[in-house]
Amino acid sequence: MTKLTNIILSDATGDTGSGGPGNIIIYVIIGLIVVAAVVMLIMSNVSRRKQQKESEKQKSSLQPGDTVETVGGIIGKIVTIRPSATGGTEFVIETGEPDRATTLTVDMQALYRILSQSGAPVVEDKKAAVSKPDVEGIASSADKEADVFSGKKSGKNGK
């Protein structure tokens, strides 16, 4: 590695005595690095703009009845959408049990994701979906393991 570094540095300073082909290589490498950096910046800006446009499109399509999740993890159904005192937009969500529902006023900036839109569910990642644990299945498997370790037989017929 140090030999390669010495060759590059000696070419850059002109100590090779060959005249200049070493300098051209250095300029080409620097040029390629600059071009790669510019391409990466452009691609990240295009991706960010596309994502921002998609987010704005979703936020503008919100209606009462849509189910949303806030950045704080609160999940609720939108009751109303209205302009806020700060000049932005806020929405009122209803959350909790139907007989003990609570309403919260939330700024549009606190919207994390839209779970479903009035009748049409939003496609979401399967990994992001949270399912309820199967408590009975966990309890029965724990009983079976306890029976195995204690030497008891389990099952309907004692097998």
Protein backbone atom coordinates (compact mmCIF):
# COMPACT_ATOMS: atom_id res chain seq x y z
CA MET A 1 0.00 0.00 0.00
CA THR A 2 2.77 2.43 0.87
CA LYS A 3 4.54 1.59 -2.38
CA LEU A 4 1.42 2.55 -4.36
CA THR A 5 1.07 5.75 -2.33
CA ASN A 6 4.72 6.63 -2.99
CA ILE A 7 4.24 6.03 -6.73
CA ILE A 8 1.16 8.24 -6.84
CA LEU A 9 2.82 10.99 -4.80
CA SER A 10 6.00 10.87 -6.81
CA ASP A 11 3.97 11.07 -10.03
CA ALA A 12 2.06 14.04 -8.67
CA THR A 13 5.23 15.92 -7.76
CA GLY A 14 6.97 14.99 -11.00
CA ASP A 15 9.85 13.03 -9.43
CA THR A 16 9.58 10.21 -11.94
CA GLY A 17 11.56 12.01 -14.58
CA SER A 18 9.17 10.68 -17.24
CA GLY A 19 7.63 14.04 -17.79
CA GLY A 20 3.91 14.02 -17.27
CA PRO A 21 1.86 10.90 -17.94
CA GLY A 22 1.61 10.40 -14.15
CA ASN A 23 -0.02 13.80 -13.70
CA ILE A 24 -2.70 12.95 -16.25
CA ILE A 25 -3.67 9.82 -14.29
CA ILE A 26 -4.09 11.86 -11.10
CA TYR A 27 -6.34 14.36 -12.90
CA VAL A 28 -8.45 11.56 -14.37
CA ILE A 29 -8.92 9.94 -10.94
CA ILE A 30 -9.85 13.27 -9.34
CA GLY A 31 -12.26 13.97 -12.21
CA LEU A 32 -13.95 10.58 -11.78
CA ILE A 33 -14.37 11.18 -8.04
CA VAL A 34 -15.93 14.61 -8.67
CA VAL A 35 -18.31 13.20 -11.31
CA ALA A 36 -19.34 10.37 -8.97
CA ALA A 37 -20.01 12.85 -6.15
CA VAL A 38 -22.14 15.06 -8.41
CA VAL A 39 -24.16 12.06 -9.65
CA MET A 40 -24.78 10.92 -6.05
CA LEU A 41 -25.98 14.40 -5.06
CA ILE A 42 -28.33 14.61 -8.03
CA MET A 43 -29.77 11.14 -7.39
CA SER A 44 -30.38 11.84 -3.69
CA ASN A 45 -32.16 15.12 -4.53
CA VAL A 46 -34.37 13.41 -7.11
CA SER A 47 -35.26 10.66 -4.64
CA ARG A 48 -36.00 13.16 -1.86
CA ARG A 49 -38.22 15.27 -4.15
CA LYS A 50 -40.13 12.21 -5.31
CA GLN A 51 -40.70 11.07 -1.72
CA GLN A 52 -41.77 14.57 -0.66
CA LYS A 53 -44.21 14.84 -3.58
CA GLU A 54 -45.71 11.45 -2.68
CA SER A 55 -46.11 12.51 0.97
CA GLU A 56 -47.80 15.78 0.00
CA LYS A 57 -50.14 13.90 -2.34
CA GLN A 58 -51.17 11.53 0.46
CA LYS A 59 -51.65 14.37 2.96
CA SER A 60 -53.80 16.34 0.52
CA SER A 61 -56.03 13.31 -0.09
CA LEU A 62 -56.89 12.86 3.61
CA GLN A 63 -60.59 12.89 4.46
CA PRO A 64 -62.68 12.41 7.60
CA GLY A 65 -62.99 8.68 8.23
CA ASP A 66 -59.38 7.85 7.30
CA THR A 67 -57.34 5.94 9.87
CA VAL A 68 -53.91 7.43 10.59
CA GLU A 69 -50.94 6.96 12.92
CA THR A 70 -49.08 9.89 14.45
CA VAL A 71 -45.34 10.09 15.11
CA GLY A 72 -46.17 9.48 18.78
CA GLY A 73 -47.75 6.13 17.91
CA ILE A 74 -51.37 7.20 18.43
CA ILE A 75 -53.75 5.52 16.00
CA GLY A 76 -57.13 7.08 15.32
CA LYS A 77 -59.81 7.96 12.83
CA ILE A 78 -59.89 11.50 11.41
CA VAL A 79 -63.00 13.42 12.47
CA THR A 80 -62.25 16.83 10.93
CA ILE A 81 -59.47 18.59 9.04
CA ARG A 82 -59.09 22.34 9.54
CA PRO A 83 -56.54 25.17 9.27
CA SER A 84 -54.46 25.65 12.41
CA ALA A 85 -53.75 28.90 14.23
CA THR A 86 -50.10 28.71 13.11
CA GLY A 87 -51.03 28.77 9.42
CA GLY A 88 -50.67 25.06 8.74
CA THR A 89 -53.24 22.31 8.84
CA GLU A 90 -54.40 20.26 11.79
CA PHE A 91 -56.78 17.36 12.14
CA VAL A 92 -58.90 15.99 14.95
CA ILE A 93 -58.64 12.25 15.48
CA GLU A 94 -60.85 9.99 17.54
CA THR A 95 -59.07 7.17 19.33
CA GLY A 96 -59.89 4.56 21.93
CA GLU A 97 -62.82 2.24 22.52
CA PRO A 98 -66.05 3.21 20.73
CA ASP A 99 -67.93 3.74 24.01
CA ARG A 100 -65.05 5.74 25.57
CA ALA A 101 -63.57 7.51 22.54
CA THR A 102 -61.18 10.44 23.03
CA THR A 103 -60.57 13.20 20.49
CA LEU A 104 -57.15 14.75 19.96
CA THR A 105 -56.13 17.74 17.85
CA VAL A 106 -52.93 16.95 15.96
CA ASP A 107 -50.81 19.08 13.62
CA MET A 108 -50.38 17.73 10.10
CA GLN A 109 -46.59 17.60 10.68
CA ALA A 110 -47.20 14.88 13.31
CA LEU A 111 -48.70 12.51 10.71
CA TYR A 112 -46.54 9.38 10.45
CA ARG A 113 -48.52 7.23 8.04
CA ILE A 114 -52.00 6.61 6.69
CA LEU A 115 -53.29 3.19 7.67
CA SER A 116 -56.52 3.23 5.64
CA GLN A 117 -58.43 5.74 3.58
CA SER A 118 -62.24 5.83 3.67
CA GLY A 119 -62.93 2.31 2.52
CA ALA A 120 -59.67 1.68 0.65
CA PRO A 121 -56.78 0.39 2.77
CA VAL A 122 -53.35 1.81 2.01
CA VAL A 123 -50.81 -0.80 0.92
CA GLU A 124 -48.23 -1.17 3.65
CA ASP A 125 -45.20 -3.28 4.39
CA LYS A 126 -46.02 -6.69 5.91
CA LYS A 127 -43.13 -6.27 8.35
CA ALA A 128 -44.67 -3.06 9.67
CA ALA A 129 -47.98 -4.73 10.46
CA VAL A 130 -48.35 -5.73 14.08
CA SER A 131 -50.50 -8.73 14.89
CA LYS A 132 -52.07 -9.68 18.20
CA PRO A 133 -50.24 -12.49 19.98
CA ASP A 134 -51.95 -15.87 20.19
CA VAL A 135 -52.22 -16.08 23.97
CA GLU A 136 -53.97 -19.45 23.98
CA GLY A 137 -51.38 -20.95 21.65
CA ILE A 138 -48.56 -19.64 23.84
CA ALA A 139 -50.18 -20.97 26.99
CA SER A 140 -50.84 -24.43 25.51
CA SER A 141 -47.30 -24.75 24.16
CA ALA A 142 -45.90 -23.67 27.53
CA ASP A 143 -48.03 -26.34 29.25
CA LYS A 144 -46.78 -28.99 26.82
CA GLU A 145 -43.16 -28.01 27.47
CA ALA A 146 -43.73 -28.12 31.23
CA ASP A 147 -45.30 -31.58 30.91
CA VAL A 148 -42.34 -32.83 28.85
CA PHE A 149 -39.82 -31.64 31.43
CA SER A 150 -41.80 -32.96 34.40
CA GLY A 151 -42.36 -36.36 32.79
CA LYS A 152 -46.17 -36.02 32.68
CA LYS A 153 -48.08 -37.09 29.62
CA SER A 154 -50.41 -34.56 28.06
CA GLY A 155 -53.23 -34.80 25.60
CA LYS A 156 -56.83 -35.96 25.54
CA ASN A 157 -56.13 -39.63 26.20
CA GLY A 158 -53.17 -39.11 28.53
CA LYS A 159 -50.66 -39.88 25.77
